[in-house]
């Protein structure tokens, strides 16, 4: 899995998704993950859906959940597929 972290105030555009997909192909990764304090733009979400890219996002709310779980002893963070 390749991970891209983006600290943008604006939504993540489709070029970021396409770039990550190109990297996934280049390195033979199975999937990618965009971690952001923002979220994907509608166009970026549409690209992922239309082209069936295995690129989920972890947005601000997901990050908050991860931090809360990590504060609990003997817990971990697992991404559902």
C-alpha atoms as a PDB file:
ATOM      1  CA  UNK A   1       0.000   0.000   0.000  1.00  0.00           C
ATOM      2  CA  UNK A   2       1.263   3.433  -0.940  1.00  0.00           C
ATOM      3  CA  UNK A   3       0.159   6.319   1.269  1.00  0.00           C
ATOM      4  CA  UNK A   4      -0.018   9.996   0.396  1.00  0.00           C
ATOM      5  CA  UNK A   5      -0.538  12.510   3.174  1.00  0.00           C
ATOM      6  CA  UNK A   6      -2.039  15.853   2.209  1.00  0.00           C
ATOM      7  CA  UNK A   7      -2.504  18.810   4.497  1.00  0.00           C
ATOM      8  CA  UNK A   8      -4.686  20.905   2.229  1.00  0.00           C
ATOM      9  CA  UNK A   9      -7.314  23.416   3.281  1.00  0.00           C
ATOM     10  CA  UNK A  10      -9.112  22.720   0.014  1.00  0.00           C
ATOM     11  CA  UNK A  11     -10.474  19.403  -1.191  1.00  0.00           C
ATOM     12  CA  UNK A  12      -8.127  16.877  -2.800  1.00  0.00           C
ATOM     13  CA  UNK A  13      -8.463  17.101  -6.576  1.00  0.00           C
ATOM     14  CA  UNK A  14      -8.574  14.235  -9.069  1.00  0.00           C
ATOM     15  CA  UNK A  15      -4.994  14.849 -10.260  1.00  0.00           C
ATOM     16  CA  UNK A  16      -3.743  13.704  -6.841  1.00  0.00           C
ATOM     17  CA  UNK A  17      -5.765  10.498  -7.194  1.00  0.00           C
ATOM     18  CA  UNK A  18      -4.508   9.909 -10.735  1.00  0.00           C
ATOM     19  CA  UNK A  19      -0.922  10.566  -9.634  1.00  0.00           C
ATOM     20  CA  UNK A  20      -1.219   8.101  -6.754  1.00  0.00           C
ATOM     21  CA  UNK A  21      -2.733   5.520  -9.135  1.00  0.00           C
ATOM     22  CA  UNK A  22       0.247   5.980 -11.479  1.00  0.00           C
ATOM     23  CA  UNK A  23       2.602   5.386  -8.526  1.00  0.00           C
ATOM     24  CA  UNK A  24       0.650   2.270  -7.527  1.00  0.00           C
ATOM     25  CA  UNK A  25       1.102   0.933 -11.041  1.00  0.00           C
ATOM     26  CA  UNK A  26       4.774   1.924 -11.193  1.00  0.00           C
ATOM     27  CA  UNK A  27       5.698   0.211  -7.925  1.00  0.00           C
ATOM     28  CA  UNK A  28       3.347  -2.756  -8.214  1.00  0.00           C
ATOM     29  CA  UNK A  29       1.456  -1.899  -5.040  1.00  0.00           C
ATOM     30  CA  UNK A  30      -1.952  -3.424  -4.381  1.00  0.00           C
ATOM     31  CA  UNK A  31      -3.604  -0.204  -3.245  1.00  0.00           C
ATOM     32  CA  UNK A  32      -3.139   3.329  -2.060  1.00  0.00           C
ATOM     33  CA  UNK A  33      -4.445   5.536   0.706  1.00  0.00           C
ATOM     34  CA  UNK A  34      -4.899   9.289   0.806  1.00  0.00           C
ATOM     35  CA  UNK A  35      -4.636  10.670   4.334  1.00  0.00           C
ATOM     36  CA  UNK A  36      -5.867  14.243   4.600  1.00  0.00           C
ATOM     37  CA  UNK A  37      -7.293  16.781   7.001  1.00  0.00           C
ATOM     38  CA  UNK A  38      -9.647  17.719   4.168  1.00  0.00           C
ATOM     39  CA  UNK A  39     -11.532  15.312   1.881  1.00  0.00           C
ATOM     40  CA  UNK A  40     -11.672  14.234  -1.736  1.00  0.00           C
ATOM     41  CA  UNK A  41     -13.410  16.551  -4.175  1.00  0.00           C
ATOM     42  CA  UNK A  42     -16.484  15.184  -5.955  1.00  0.00           C
ATOM     43  CA  UNK A  43     -14.371  14.833  -9.115  1.00  0.00           C
ATOM     44  CA  UNK A  44     -11.708  12.836  -7.283  1.00  0.00           C
ATOM     45  CA  UNK A  45     -14.332  10.556  -5.751  1.00  0.00           C
ATOM     46  CA  UNK A  46     -15.886  10.076  -9.183  1.00  0.00           C
ATOM     47  CA  UNK A  47     -12.510   9.065 -10.684  1.00  0.00           C
ATOM     48  CA  UNK A  48     -11.970   6.474  -7.937  1.00  0.00           C
ATOM     49  CA  UNK A  49     -15.438   5.032  -8.417  1.00  0.00           C
ATOM     50  CA  UNK A  50     -15.574   5.128 -12.222  1.00  0.00           C
ATOM     51  CA  UNK A  51     -12.126   3.592 -12.655  1.00  0.00           C
ATOM     52  CA  UNK A  52     -12.420   1.276  -9.660  1.00  0.00           C
ATOM     53  CA  UNK A  53      -9.194   2.555  -8.112  1.00  0.00           C
ATOM     54  CA  UNK A  54      -8.370   0.885  -4.777  1.00  0.00           C
ATOM     55  CA  UNK A  55      -7.698   4.263  -3.150  1.00  0.00           C
ATOM     56  CA  UNK A  56      -9.750   4.995  -0.044  1.00  0.00           C
ATOM     57  CA  UNK A  57      -9.348   8.165   1.954  1.00  0.00           C
ATOM     58  CA  UNK A  58      -8.699   8.794   5.604  1.00  0.00           C
ATOM     59  CA  UNK A  59     -10.098  12.254   6.277  1.00  0.00           C
ATOM     60  CA  UNK A  60     -10.131  14.452   9.392  1.00  0.00           C
ATOM     61  CA  UNK A  61     -12.860  12.384  11.060  1.00  0.00           C
ATOM     62  CA  UNK A  62     -11.012   9.130  10.378  1.00  0.00           C
ATOM     63  CA  UNK A  63      -7.817  10.617  11.814  1.00  0.00           C
ATOM     64  CA  UNK A  64      -9.686  11.674  14.972  1.00  0.00           C
ATOM     65  CA  UNK A  65     -11.020   8.124  15.361  1.00  0.00           C
ATOM     66  CA  UNK A  66      -7.523   6.663  14.903  1.00  0.00           C
ATOM     67  CA  UNK A  67      -6.079   8.967  17.564  1.00  0.00           C
ATOM     68  CA  UNK A  68      -8.847   8.035  20.016  1.00  0.00           C
ATOM     69  CA  UNK A  69      -8.283   4.312  19.415  1.00  0.00           C
ATOM     70  CA  UNK A  70      -4.525   4.707  19.862  1.00  0.00           C
ATOM     71  CA  UNK A  71      -5.135   6.320  23.241  1.00  0.00           C
ATOM     72  CA  UNK A  72      -6.757   3.078  24.414  1.00  0.00           C
ATOM     73  CA  UNK A  73      -4.248   0.435  25.587  1.00  0.00           C
ATOM     74  CA  UNK A  74      -4.128  -2.817  23.593  1.00  0.00           C
ATOM     75  CA  UNK A  75      -6.107  -1.390  20.671  1.00  0.00           C
ATOM     76  CA  UNK A  76      -5.018  -0.819  17.096  1.00  0.00           C
ATOM     77  CA  UNK A  77      -6.247   0.814  13.941  1.00  0.00           C
ATOM     78  CA  UNK A  78      -7.524  -1.420  11.190  1.00  0.00           C
ATOM     79  CA  UNK A  79      -8.853  -0.287   7.842  1.00  0.00           C
ATOM     80  CA  UNK A  80     -11.956  -2.047   6.607  1.00  0.00           C
ATOM     81  CA  UNK A  81     -11.998  -2.899   2.937  1.00  0.00           C
END
